């Protein structure tokens, strides 16, 4: 399996690294850290399997930054 760092800004789709077939969604995704996600892709055309690591910029806010959770008893 090949792993590569993705520089795409869109989280929609990917091209197969072997046959260039358009892939719409990863087979699975893994949250690695606040700024990094890993996606496993499998191409139905050539059965190629590869992983991408998507790194987000540190200045991007997430829901916890905007709406901190509050404990309500």
C-alpha atoms as a PDB file:
ATOM      1  CA  UNK A   1       0.000   0.000   0.000  1.00  0.00           C
ATOM      2  CA  UNK A   2       1.265   3.470  -0.903  1.00  0.00           C
ATOM      3  CA  UNK A   3       0.789   6.495   1.380  1.00  0.00           C
ATOM      4  CA  UNK A   4       0.962  10.050   0.088  1.00  0.00           C
ATOM      5  CA  UNK A   5       0.305  13.509   1.521  1.00  0.00           C
ATOM      6  CA  UNK A   6      -2.615  15.221  -0.175  1.00  0.00           C
ATOM      7  CA  UNK A   7      -2.420  18.933  -1.003  1.00  0.00           C
ATOM      8  CA  UNK A   8      -6.015  19.105  -2.259  1.00  0.00           C
ATOM      9  CA  UNK A   9      -8.232  21.728  -0.626  1.00  0.00           C
ATOM     10  CA  UNK A  10     -11.424  19.849  -1.451  1.00  0.00           C
ATOM     11  CA  UNK A  11     -12.303  16.791   0.625  1.00  0.00           C
ATOM     12  CA  UNK A  12     -14.418  15.395  -2.221  1.00  0.00           C
ATOM     13  CA  UNK A  13     -12.965  12.679  -4.395  1.00  0.00           C
ATOM     14  CA  UNK A  14      -9.558  11.494  -5.537  1.00  0.00           C
ATOM     15  CA  UNK A  15      -8.006  10.015  -8.667  1.00  0.00           C
ATOM     16  CA  UNK A  16      -6.589   6.503  -8.542  1.00  0.00           C
ATOM     17  CA  UNK A  17      -2.793   6.611  -8.499  1.00  0.00           C
ATOM     18  CA  UNK A  18      -2.581   3.624 -10.840  1.00  0.00           C
ATOM     19  CA  UNK A  19      -5.338   4.016 -13.469  1.00  0.00           C
ATOM     20  CA  UNK A  20      -6.519   7.617 -12.847  1.00  0.00           C
ATOM     21  CA  UNK A  21     -10.118   6.466 -12.270  1.00  0.00           C
ATOM     22  CA  UNK A  22     -12.181   9.020 -10.317  1.00  0.00           C
ATOM     23  CA  UNK A  23     -12.913   7.840  -6.777  1.00  0.00           C
ATOM     24  CA  UNK A  24     -15.749   9.584  -4.980  1.00  0.00           C
ATOM     25  CA  UNK A  25     -15.195   8.580  -1.356  1.00  0.00           C
ATOM     26  CA  UNK A  26     -12.544   6.763   0.664  1.00  0.00           C
ATOM     27  CA  UNK A  27     -13.141   3.235   1.881  1.00  0.00           C
ATOM     28  CA  UNK A  28     -12.482   4.468   5.416  1.00  0.00           C
ATOM     29  CA  UNK A  29     -11.075   7.500   7.191  1.00  0.00           C
ATOM     30  CA  UNK A  30      -9.073   7.825  10.378  1.00  0.00           C
ATOM     31  CA  UNK A  31      -8.787  10.894  12.597  1.00  0.00           C
ATOM     32  CA  UNK A  32      -5.092  11.133  13.520  1.00  0.00           C
ATOM     33  CA  UNK A  33      -4.871  14.547  15.190  1.00  0.00           C
ATOM     34  CA  UNK A  34      -6.558  17.930  15.183  1.00  0.00           C
ATOM     35  CA  UNK A  35      -4.726  18.794  11.962  1.00  0.00           C
ATOM     36  CA  UNK A  36      -4.413  15.416  10.245  1.00  0.00           C
ATOM     37  CA  UNK A  37      -6.761  12.788   8.779  1.00  0.00           C
ATOM     38  CA  UNK A  38      -5.857   9.598   6.924  1.00  0.00           C
ATOM     39  CA  UNK A  39      -8.034   8.142   4.148  1.00  0.00           C
ATOM     40  CA  UNK A  40      -7.817   4.660   2.636  1.00  0.00           C
ATOM     41  CA  UNK A  41      -8.828   4.499  -1.017  1.00  0.00           C
ATOM     42  CA  UNK A  42      -9.595   1.389  -3.102  1.00  0.00           C
ATOM     43  CA  UNK A  43     -10.188   1.606  -6.838  1.00  0.00           C
ATOM     44  CA  UNK A  44     -12.973  -0.672  -8.119  1.00  0.00           C
ATOM     45  CA  UNK A  45     -11.470  -0.640 -11.631  1.00  0.00           C
ATOM     46  CA  UNK A  46      -7.918  -1.858 -10.939  1.00  0.00           C
ATOM     47  CA  UNK A  47      -8.210  -2.860  -7.225  1.00  0.00           C
ATOM     48  CA  UNK A  48      -5.357  -0.505  -6.312  1.00  0.00           C
ATOM     49  CA  UNK A  49      -5.274   0.395  -2.603  1.00  0.00           C
ATOM     50  CA  UNK A  50      -3.561   3.535  -1.295  1.00  0.00           C
ATOM     51  CA  UNK A  51      -3.753   5.935   1.628  1.00  0.00           C
ATOM     52  CA  UNK A  52      -3.654   9.726   1.752  1.00  0.00           C
ATOM     53  CA  UNK A  53      -2.938  11.975   4.691  1.00  0.00           C
ATOM     54  CA  UNK A  54      -4.819  15.271   4.667  1.00  0.00           C
ATOM     55  CA  UNK A  55      -3.257  18.037   6.713  1.00  0.00           C
ATOM     56  CA  UNK A  56      -5.276  21.124   7.561  1.00  0.00           C
ATOM     57  CA  UNK A  57      -3.776  24.506   8.276  1.00  0.00           C
ATOM     58  CA  UNK A  58      -3.480  25.552  11.892  1.00  0.00           C
ATOM     59  CA  UNK A  59      -5.575  28.700  11.397  1.00  0.00           C
ATOM     60  CA  UNK A  60      -8.702  26.736  10.442  1.00  0.00           C
ATOM     61  CA  UNK A  61     -11.225  26.745  13.262  1.00  0.00           C
ATOM     62  CA  UNK A  62     -13.193  23.675  14.247  1.00  0.00           C
ATOM     63  CA  UNK A  63     -16.544  23.460  16.023  1.00  0.00           C
ATOM     64  CA  UNK A  64     -14.877  23.224  19.460  1.00  0.00           C
ATOM     65  CA  UNK A  65     -13.141  26.562  18.839  1.00  0.00           C
ATOM     66  CA  UNK A  66     -16.413  28.286  17.960  1.00  0.00           C
ATOM     67  CA  UNK A  67     -18.826  26.496  20.273  1.00  0.00           C
ATOM     68  CA  UNK A  68     -16.981  25.106  23.285  1.00  0.00           C
ATOM     69  CA  UNK A  69     -18.839  22.296  25.000  1.00  0.00           C
ATOM     70  CA  UNK A  70     -20.553  23.099  28.260  1.00  0.00           C
ATOM     71  CA  UNK A  71     -21.336  20.648  30.994  1.00  0.00           C
ATOM     72  CA  UNK A  72     -24.960  20.919  32.027  1.00  0.00           C
ATOM     73  CA  UNK A  73     -26.040  19.034  35.107  1.00  0.00           C
END
